[in-house]
């Protein structure tokens, strides 16, 4: 007999409710993808945390976590090295489960692992809306990831990401370099450099030529990355 679908129902206020049919972790782990040892490991170690914060909008970001024992602290920055695995915003790799087969080997290698669901994906929401459209939050994607890491008390995080989200990581390196570590893995990166570094150009200098924006953008980017490298050497 087939299993009945399960729904996550959220009370958004008054007489308004929102529902979503995101499968439970238990049902996913029973899939053919996992060997029995993997199932036992994830049942024991995998936790889910919700990072709640406000920028211009309010966000409820669902994060699947594998914390090393030394990182299971209640206060302050979590010790040890953490790597954030961030899914694509292009179908079909649009869930934090995208990276799950890498999570256990990374954990066994000594990393704490956080797998982030972006707004509108998985159980993550913006303004309590689980089906929020991409264009409503994508312009602040870098800020969302930084705030999520702050809520998790993770500092100098390493990352592994795919597609357009690679550009998001570059935006973080340019705008908030202290949030990330020095090693990042990009799989099939796809982004427009003008979009990534577009707001770093500033105002045109006196006597600027027709290509002043590109030149200033490059200088600003190099300055940010050099500062990032300097902070890494001092630490």
C-alpha atoms as a PDB file:
ATOM      1  CA  UNK A   1       0.000   0.000   0.000  1.00  0.00           C
ATOM      2  CA  UNK A   2       1.570   3.356  -1.008  1.00  0.00           C
ATOM      3  CA  UNK A   3       2.396   5.807   1.755  1.00  0.00           C
ATOM      4  CA  UNK A   4       0.112   8.804   2.141  1.00  0.00           C
ATOM      5  CA  UNK A   5       1.870  12.125   1.430  1.00  0.00           C
ATOM      6  CA  UNK A   6       2.866  14.196   4.465  1.00  0.00           C
ATOM      7  CA  UNK A   7       2.447  17.958   4.628  1.00  0.00           C
ATOM      8  CA  UNK A   8       4.191  20.637   6.674  1.00  0.00           C
ATOM      9  CA  UNK A   9       1.481  23.086   7.771  1.00  0.00           C
ATOM     10  CA  UNK A  10       2.511  26.499   9.156  1.00  0.00           C
ATOM     11  CA  UNK A  11       0.255  29.006  10.878  1.00  0.00           C
ATOM     12  CA  UNK A  12       1.131  32.376   9.344  1.00  0.00           C
ATOM     13  CA  UNK A  13      -1.305  34.435  11.422  1.00  0.00           C
ATOM     14  CA  UNK A  14      -5.030  34.883  11.971  1.00  0.00           C
ATOM     15  CA  UNK A  15      -6.900  32.263   9.981  1.00  0.00           C
ATOM     16  CA  UNK A  16      -4.149  31.875   7.371  1.00  0.00           C
ATOM     17  CA  UNK A  17      -2.095  28.672   7.016  1.00  0.00           C
ATOM     18  CA  UNK A  18       0.574  27.641   4.527  1.00  0.00           C
ATOM     19  CA  UNK A  19       1.267  24.026   3.572  1.00  0.00           C
ATOM     20  CA  UNK A  20       4.070  22.264   1.727  1.00  0.00           C
ATOM     21  CA  UNK A  21       4.705  18.634   0.789  1.00  0.00           C
ATOM     22  CA  UNK A  22       8.439  18.496   1.565  1.00  0.00           C
ATOM     23  CA  UNK A  23       9.213  14.826   2.379  1.00  0.00           C
ATOM     24  CA  UNK A  24      10.419  14.048   5.886  1.00  0.00           C
ATOM     25  CA  UNK A  25      14.069  13.268   6.545  1.00  0.00           C
ATOM     26  CA  UNK A  26      13.079   9.742   7.554  1.00  0.00           C
ATOM     27  CA  UNK A  27      11.353   9.069   4.226  1.00  0.00           C
ATOM     28  CA  UNK A  28      14.339  10.411   2.279  1.00  0.00           C
ATOM     29  CA  UNK A  29      16.794   8.282   4.242  1.00  0.00           C
ATOM     30  CA  UNK A  30      14.744   5.180   3.439  1.00  0.00           C
ATOM     31  CA  UNK A  31      15.415   5.777  -0.258  1.00  0.00           C
ATOM     32  CA  UNK A  32      17.606   3.519  -2.376  1.00  0.00           C
ATOM     33  CA  UNK A  33      20.339   6.165  -2.424  1.00  0.00           C
ATOM     34  CA  UNK A  34      21.534   5.261   1.075  1.00  0.00           C
ATOM     35  CA  UNK A  35      23.280   2.183   2.400  1.00  0.00           C
ATOM     36  CA  UNK A  36      22.298   0.963   5.858  1.00  0.00           C
ATOM     37  CA  UNK A  37      25.478   2.372   7.459  1.00  0.00           C
ATOM     38  CA  UNK A  38      24.655   5.787   6.025  1.00  0.00           C
ATOM     39  CA  UNK A  39      21.087   5.616   7.327  1.00  0.00           C
ATOM     40  CA  UNK A  40      22.294   4.761  10.827  1.00  0.00           C
ATOM     41  CA  UNK A  41      24.854   7.573  10.706  1.00  0.00           C
ATOM     42  CA  UNK A  42      22.392  10.256   9.605  1.00  0.00           C
ATOM     43  CA  UNK A  43      19.726   9.145  12.065  1.00  0.00           C
ATOM     44  CA  UNK A  44      22.257   9.560  14.856  1.00  0.00           C
ATOM     45  CA  UNK A  45      24.101  12.710  13.787  1.00  0.00           C
ATOM     46  CA  UNK A  46      21.876  14.749  11.441  1.00  0.00           C
ATOM     47  CA  UNK A  47      19.975  17.632  13.013  1.00  0.00           C
ATOM     48  CA  UNK A  48      17.870  20.419  11.530  1.00  0.00           C
ATOM     49  CA  UNK A  49      18.102  24.032  12.688  1.00  0.00           C
ATOM     50  CA  UNK A  50      16.024  27.019  11.644  1.00  0.00           C
ATOM     51  CA  UNK A  51      17.926  30.312  11.326  1.00  0.00           C
ATOM     52  CA  UNK A  52      15.454  33.182  11.846  1.00  0.00           C
ATOM     53  CA  UNK A  53      16.468  36.776  11.117  1.00  0.00           C
ATOM     54  CA  UNK A  54      15.357  39.979   9.445  1.00  0.00           C
ATOM     55  CA  UNK A  55      17.042  42.069   6.774  1.00  0.00           C
ATOM     56  CA  UNK A  56      14.403  44.037   4.871  1.00  0.00           C
ATOM     57  CA  UNK A  57      12.215  40.939   5.052  1.00  0.00           C
ATOM     58  CA  UNK A  58      12.055  38.160   7.598  1.00  0.00           C
ATOM     59  CA  UNK A  59      13.620  34.808   6.795  1.00  0.00           C
ATOM     60  CA  UNK A  60      13.273  31.332   8.219  1.00  0.00           C
ATOM     61  CA  UNK A  61      16.159  29.311   6.771  1.00  0.00           C
ATOM     62  CA  UNK A  62      16.217  25.537   7.250  1.00  0.00           C
ATOM     63  CA  UNK A  63      19.688  24.042   7.669  1.00  0.00           C
ATOM     64  CA  UNK A  64      20.603  20.366   7.951  1.00  0.00           C
ATOM     65  CA  UNK A  65      23.630  20.092  10.229  1.00  0.00           C
ATOM     66  CA  UNK A  66      26.323  17.594  11.168  1.00  0.00           C
ATOM     67  CA  UNK A  67      28.174  19.136  14.110  1.00  0.00           C
ATOM     68  CA  UNK A  68      31.478  17.780  15.317  1.00  0.00           C
ATOM     69  CA  UNK A  69      31.437  17.114  19.102  1.00  0.00           C
ATOM     70  CA  UNK A  70      33.608  20.180  19.807  1.00  0.00           C
ATOM     71  CA  UNK A  71      31.178  22.375  17.814  1.00  0.00           C
ATOM     72  CA  UNK A  72      28.112  21.440  19.876  1.00  0.00           C
ATOM     73  CA  UNK A  73      28.445  24.483  22.093  1.00  0.00           C
ATOM     74  CA  UNK A  74      25.617  26.676  23.343  1.00  0.00           C
ATOM     75  CA  UNK A  75      27.417  30.046  23.213  1.00  0.00           C
ATOM     76  CA  UNK A  76      30.046  31.855  21.150  1.00  0.00           C
ATOM     77  CA  UNK A  77      31.569  30.857  17.833  1.00  0.00           C
ATOM     78  CA  UNK A  78      31.592  27.142  17.190  1.00  0.00           C
ATOM     79  CA  UNK A  79      35.158  25.764  17.296  1.00  0.00           C
ATOM     80  CA  UNK A  80      36.565  23.633  14.519  1.00  0.00           C
ATOM     81  CA  UNK A  81      36.206  23.987  10.761  1.00  0.00           C
ATOM     82  CA  UNK A  82      32.771  24.170   9.167  1.00  0.00           C
ATOM     83  CA  UNK A  83      31.933  23.714   5.500  1.00  0.00           C
ATOM     84  CA  UNK A  84      28.660  24.989   4.018  1.00  0.00           C
ATOM     85  CA  UNK A  85      27.180  22.969   1.156  1.00  0.00           C
ATOM     86  CA  UNK A  86      24.812  25.159  -0.869  1.00  0.00           C
ATOM     87  CA  UNK A  87      22.479  23.825  -3.538  1.00  0.00           C
ATOM     88  CA  UNK A  88      21.760  25.283  -6.972  1.00  0.00           C
ATOM     89  CA  UNK A  89      18.840  27.556  -7.806  1.00  0.00           C
ATOM     90  CA  UNK A  90      18.502  25.802 -11.177  1.00  0.00           C
ATOM     91  CA  UNK A  91      16.494  22.587 -11.486  1.00  0.00           C
ATOM     92  CA  UNK A  92      17.051  19.768 -10.573  1.00  0.00           C
ATOM     93  CA  UNK A  93      19.698  20.298  -7.849  1.00  0.00           C
ATOM     94  CA  UNK A  94      17.506  22.583  -5.740  1.00  0.00           C
ATOM     95  CA  UNK A  95      17.615  20.987  -2.290  1.00  0.00           C
ATOM     96  CA  UNK A  96      20.095  20.747   0.555  1.00  0.00           C
ATOM     97  CA  UNK A  97      19.952  16.973  -0.060  1.00  0.00           C
ATOM     98  CA  UNK A  98      21.982  17.694  -3.236  1.00  0.00           C
ATOM     99  CA  UNK A  99      25.252  17.271  -1.338  1.00  0.00           C
ATOM    100  CA  UNK A 100      24.230  14.605   1.166  1.00  0.00           C
ATOM    101  CA  UNK A 101      26.516  11.881  -0.241  1.00  0.00           C
ATOM    102  CA  UNK A 102      29.493  14.150   0.505  1.00  0.00           C
ATOM    103  CA  UNK A 103      28.334  15.075   3.998  1.00  0.00           C
ATOM    104  CA  UNK A 104      29.368  11.877   5.768  1.00  0.00           C
ATOM    105  CA  UNK A 105      32.908  11.714   4.250  1.00  0.00           C
ATOM    106  CA  UNK A 106      33.444  15.394   5.133  1.00  0.00           C
ATOM    107  CA  UNK A 107      32.242  14.772   8.687  1.00  0.00           C
ATOM    108  CA  UNK A 108      34.535  11.744   8.993  1.00  0.00           C
ATOM    109  CA  UNK A 109      37.402  14.006   7.840  1.00  0.00           C
ATOM    110  CA  UNK A 110      36.821  16.340  10.799  1.00  0.00           C
ATOM    111  CA  UNK A 111      34.546  19.015   9.318  1.00  0.00           C
ATOM    112  CA  UNK A 112      31.265  20.196  10.717  1.00  0.00           C
ATOM    113  CA  UNK A 113      28.835  20.261   7.788  1.00  0.00           C
ATOM    114  CA  UNK A 114      25.873  22.591   7.210  1.00  0.00           C
ATOM    115  CA  UNK A 115      23.556  22.083   4.230  1.00  0.00           C
ATOM    116  CA  UNK A 116      21.492  25.220   3.636  1.00  0.00           C
ATOM    117  CA  UNK A 117      18.107  25.401   1.938  1.00  0.00           C
ATOM    118  CA  UNK A 118      17.677  28.809   0.289  1.00  0.00           C
ATOM    119  CA  UNK A 119      14.320  30.682   0.543  1.00  0.00           C
ATOM    120  CA  UNK A 120      11.545  28.946  -1.374  1.00  0.00           C
ATOM    121  CA  UNK A 121      13.452  25.650  -1.373  1.00  0.00           C
ATOM    122  CA  UNK A 122      13.020  22.815   1.090  1.00  0.00           C
ATOM    123  CA  UNK A 123      11.439  24.191   4.271  1.00  0.00           C
ATOM    124  CA  UNK A 124      13.034  27.650   4.041  1.00  0.00           C
ATOM    125  CA  UNK A 125      10.728  30.655   3.853  1.00  0.00           C
ATOM    126  CA  UNK A 126      10.698  34.418   3.384  1.00  0.00           C
ATOM    127  CA  UNK A 127       7.979  36.241   5.334  1.00  0.00           C
ATOM    128  CA  UNK A 128       6.596  32.770   6.209  1.00  0.00           C
ATOM    129  CA  UNK A 129       6.030  32.038   2.506  1.00  0.00           C
ATOM    130  CA  UNK A 130       7.473  28.606   1.559  1.00  0.00           C
ATOM    131  CA  UNK A 131       6.865  29.253  -2.159  1.00  0.00           C
ATOM    132  CA  UNK A 132       8.483  32.687  -2.396  1.00  0.00           C
ATOM    133  CA  UNK A 133       9.685  33.562  -5.897  1.00  0.00           C
ATOM    134  CA  UNK A 134      13.400  33.687  -6.625  1.00  0.00           C
ATOM    135  CA  UNK A 135      13.375  37.307  -7.836  1.00  0.00           C
ATOM    136  CA  UNK A 136      11.969  38.486  -4.507  1.00  0.00           C
ATOM    137  CA  UNK A 137      15.137  37.617  -2.581  1.00  0.00           C
ATOM    138  CA  UNK A 138      17.962  36.876  -5.021  1.00  0.00           C
ATOM    139  CA  UNK A 139      19.316  40.455  -4.895  1.00  0.00           C
ATOM    140  CA  UNK A 140      20.177  39.885  -1.214  1.00  0.00           C
ATOM    141  CA  UNK A 141      21.369  36.272  -1.536  1.00  0.00           C
ATOM    142  CA  UNK A 142      24.841  36.995  -0.154  1.00  0.00           C
ATOM    143  CA  UNK A 143      23.363  38.733   2.898  1.00  0.00           C
ATOM    144  CA  UNK A 144      20.998  35.813   3.544  1.00  0.00           C
ATOM    145  CA  UNK A 145      23.862  33.320   3.625  1.00  0.00           C
ATOM    146  CA  UNK A 146      25.964  35.579   5.885  1.00  0.00           C
ATOM    147  CA  UNK A 147      23.079  36.013   8.320  1.00  0.00           C
ATOM    148  CA  UNK A 148      22.387  32.282   8.304  1.00  0.00           C
ATOM    149  CA  UNK A 149      26.006  31.530   9.214  1.00  0.00           C
ATOM    150  CA  UNK A 150      25.874  34.187  11.948  1.00  0.00           C
ATOM    151  CA  UNK A 151      22.737  32.608  13.417  1.00  0.00           C
ATOM    152  CA  UNK A 152      24.497  29.240  13.412  1.00  0.00           C
ATOM    153  CA  UNK A 153      27.494  30.895  15.131  1.00  0.00           C
ATOM    154  CA  UNK A 154      29.822  29.787  12.338  1.00  0.00           C
ATOM    155  CA  UNK A 155      32.901  31.895  11.569  1.00  0.00           C
ATOM    156  CA  UNK A 156      35.291  31.676   8.583  1.00  0.00           C
ATOM    157  CA  UNK A 157      33.229  29.010   6.847  1.00  0.00           C
ATOM    158  CA  UNK A 158      34.430  27.030   3.839  1.00  0.00           C
ATOM    159  CA  UNK A 159      31.929  26.464   1.036  1.00  0.00           C
ATOM    160  CA  UNK A 160      31.014  24.087  -1.750  1.00  0.00           C
ATOM    161  CA  UNK A 161      28.441  25.323  -4.248  1.00  0.00           C
ATOM    162  CA  UNK A 162      27.166  25.021  -7.787  1.00  0.00           C
ATOM    163  CA  UNK A 163      25.966  27.190 -10.683  1.00  0.00           C
ATOM    164  CA  UNK A 164      24.862  30.774  -9.983  1.00  0.00           C
ATOM    165  CA  UNK A 165      25.480  30.399  -6.241  1.00  0.00           C
ATOM    166  CA  UNK A 166      29.216  30.495  -7.012  1.00  0.00           C
ATOM    167  CA  UNK A 167      28.687  34.163  -7.847  1.00  0.00           C
ATOM    168  CA  UNK A 168      26.958  34.600  -4.490  1.00  0.00           C
ATOM    169  CA  UNK A 169      30.081  33.355  -2.710  1.00  0.00           C
ATOM    170  CA  UNK A 170      32.190  35.863  -4.647  1.00  0.00           C
ATOM    171  CA  UNK A 171      29.815  38.610  -3.510  1.00  0.00           C
ATOM    172  CA  UNK A 172      30.359  37.535   0.099  1.00  0.00           C
ATOM    173  CA  UNK A 173      34.141  37.566  -0.373  1.00  0.00           C
ATOM    174  CA  UNK A 174      33.917  41.109  -1.719  1.00  0.00           C
ATOM    175  CA  UNK A 175      31.468  42.468   0.872  1.00  0.00           C
ATOM    176  CA  UNK A 176      31.876  40.397   4.026  1.00  0.00           C
ATOM    177  CA  UNK A 177      35.159  38.480   3.739  1.00  0.00           C
ATOM    178  CA  UNK A 178      35.356  37.711   7.470  1.00  0.00           C
ATOM    179  CA  UNK A 179      32.327  35.415   7.103  1.00  0.00           C
ATOM    180  CA  UNK A 180      34.225  32.915   4.950  1.00  0.00           C
ATOM    181  CA  UNK A 181      37.409  30.916   5.071  1.00  0.00           C
ATOM    182  CA  UNK A 182      40.020  30.728   2.331  1.00  0.00           C
ATOM    183  CA  UNK A 183      39.048  27.528   0.522  1.00  0.00           C
ATOM    184  CA  UNK A 184      35.969  27.147  -1.681  1.00  0.00           C
ATOM    185  CA  UNK A 185      34.906  24.628  -4.302  1.00  0.00           C
ATOM    186  CA  UNK A 186      32.852  25.799  -7.294  1.00  0.00           C
ATOM    187  CA  UNK A 187      31.092  23.220  -9.455  1.00  0.00           C
ATOM    188  CA  UNK A 188      30.068  24.423 -12.920  1.00  0.00           C
ATOM    189  CA  UNK A 189      30.110  28.128 -11.928  1.00  0.00           C
ATOM    190  CA  UNK A 190      27.650  30.271 -13.876  1.00  0.00           C
ATOM    191  CA  UNK A 191      27.384  34.003 -13.199  1.00  0.00           C
ATOM    192  CA  UNK A 192      27.772  37.433 -14.770  1.00  0.00           C
ATOM    193  CA  UNK A 193      30.834  39.297 -13.374  1.00  0.00           C
ATOM    194  CA  UNK A 194      28.979  42.581 -13.893  1.00  0.00           C
ATOM    195  CA  UNK A 195      26.202  41.352 -11.597  1.00  0.00           C
ATOM    196  CA  UNK A 196      28.615  39.986  -9.006  1.00  0.00           C
ATOM    197  CA  UNK A 197      30.751  43.127  -8.786  1.00  0.00           C
ATOM    198  CA  UNK A 198      28.279  45.643 -10.203  1.00  0.00           C
ATOM    199  CA  UNK A 199      27.771  47.796  -7.107  1.00  0.00           C
ATOM    200  CA  UNK A 200      31.479  48.032  -6.255  1.00  0.00           C
ATOM    201  CA  UNK A 201      32.233  50.586  -8.959  1.00  0.00           C
ATOM    202  CA  UNK A 202      31.068  53.717  -7.144  1.00  0.00           C
ATOM    203  CA  UNK A 203      30.857  57.151  -8.768  1.00  0.00           C
ATOM    204  CA  UNK A 204      32.908  58.042 -11.897  1.00  0.00           C
ATOM    205  CA  UNK A 205      36.250  59.729 -11.090  1.00  0.00           C
ATOM    206  CA  UNK A 206      37.202  63.058 -12.721  1.00  0.00           C
ATOM    207  CA  UNK A 207      38.214  62.614 -16.356  1.00  0.00           C
ATOM    208  CA  UNK A 208      36.971  59.030 -16.480  1.00  0.00           C
ATOM    209  CA  UNK A 209      36.871  57.347 -19.885  1.00  0.00           C
ATOM    210  CA  UNK A 210      34.018  55.325 -21.333  1.00  0.00           C
ATOM    211  CA  UNK A 211      35.226  52.133 -19.606  1.00  0.00           C
ATOM    212  CA  UNK A 212      35.607  53.735 -16.152  1.00  0.00           C
ATOM    213  CA  UNK A 213      33.005  51.454 -14.536  1.00  0.00           C
ATOM    214  CA  UNK A 214      34.811  48.257 -15.511  1.00  0.00           C
ATOM    215  CA  UNK A 215      38.175  49.645 -14.317  1.00  0.00           C
ATOM    216  CA  UNK A 216      36.815  50.854 -10.971  1.00  0.00           C
ATOM    217  CA  UNK A 217      34.927  47.617 -10.445  1.00  0.00           C
ATOM    218  CA  UNK A 218      38.118  45.607 -10.953  1.00  0.00           C
ATOM    219  CA  UNK A 219      40.075  47.864  -8.589  1.00  0.00           C
ATOM    220  CA  UNK A 220      37.387  47.569  -5.925  1.00  0.00           C
ATOM    221  CA  UNK A 221      37.271  43.801  -6.302  1.00  0.00           C
ATOM    222  CA  UNK A 222      41.056  43.451  -6.085  1.00  0.00           C
ATOM    223  CA  UNK A 223      41.092  45.690  -3.017  1.00  0.00           C
ATOM    224  CA  UNK A 224      38.432  43.548  -1.303  1.00  0.00           C
ATOM    225  CA  UNK A 225      40.167  40.289  -2.138  1.00  0.00           C
ATOM    226  CA  UNK A 226      43.570  41.653  -1.020  1.00  0.00           C
ATOM    227  CA  UNK A 227      42.021  42.672   2.282  1.00  0.00           C
ATOM    228  CA  UNK A 228      40.549  39.186   2.559  1.00  0.00           C
ATOM    229  CA  UNK A 229      43.971  37.621   1.908  1.00  0.00           C
ATOM    230  CA  UNK A 230      45.572  39.935   4.499  1.00  0.00           C
ATOM    231  CA  UNK A 231      43.057  38.988   7.164  1.00  0.00           C
ATOM    232  CA  UNK A 232      43.672  35.333   6.429  1.00  0.00           C
ATOM    233  CA  UNK A 233      47.428  35.715   6.882  1.00  0.00           C
ATOM    234  CA  UNK A 234      47.003  37.601  10.177  1.00  0.00           C
ATOM    235  CA  UNK A 235      44.721  34.910  11.547  1.00  0.00           C
END
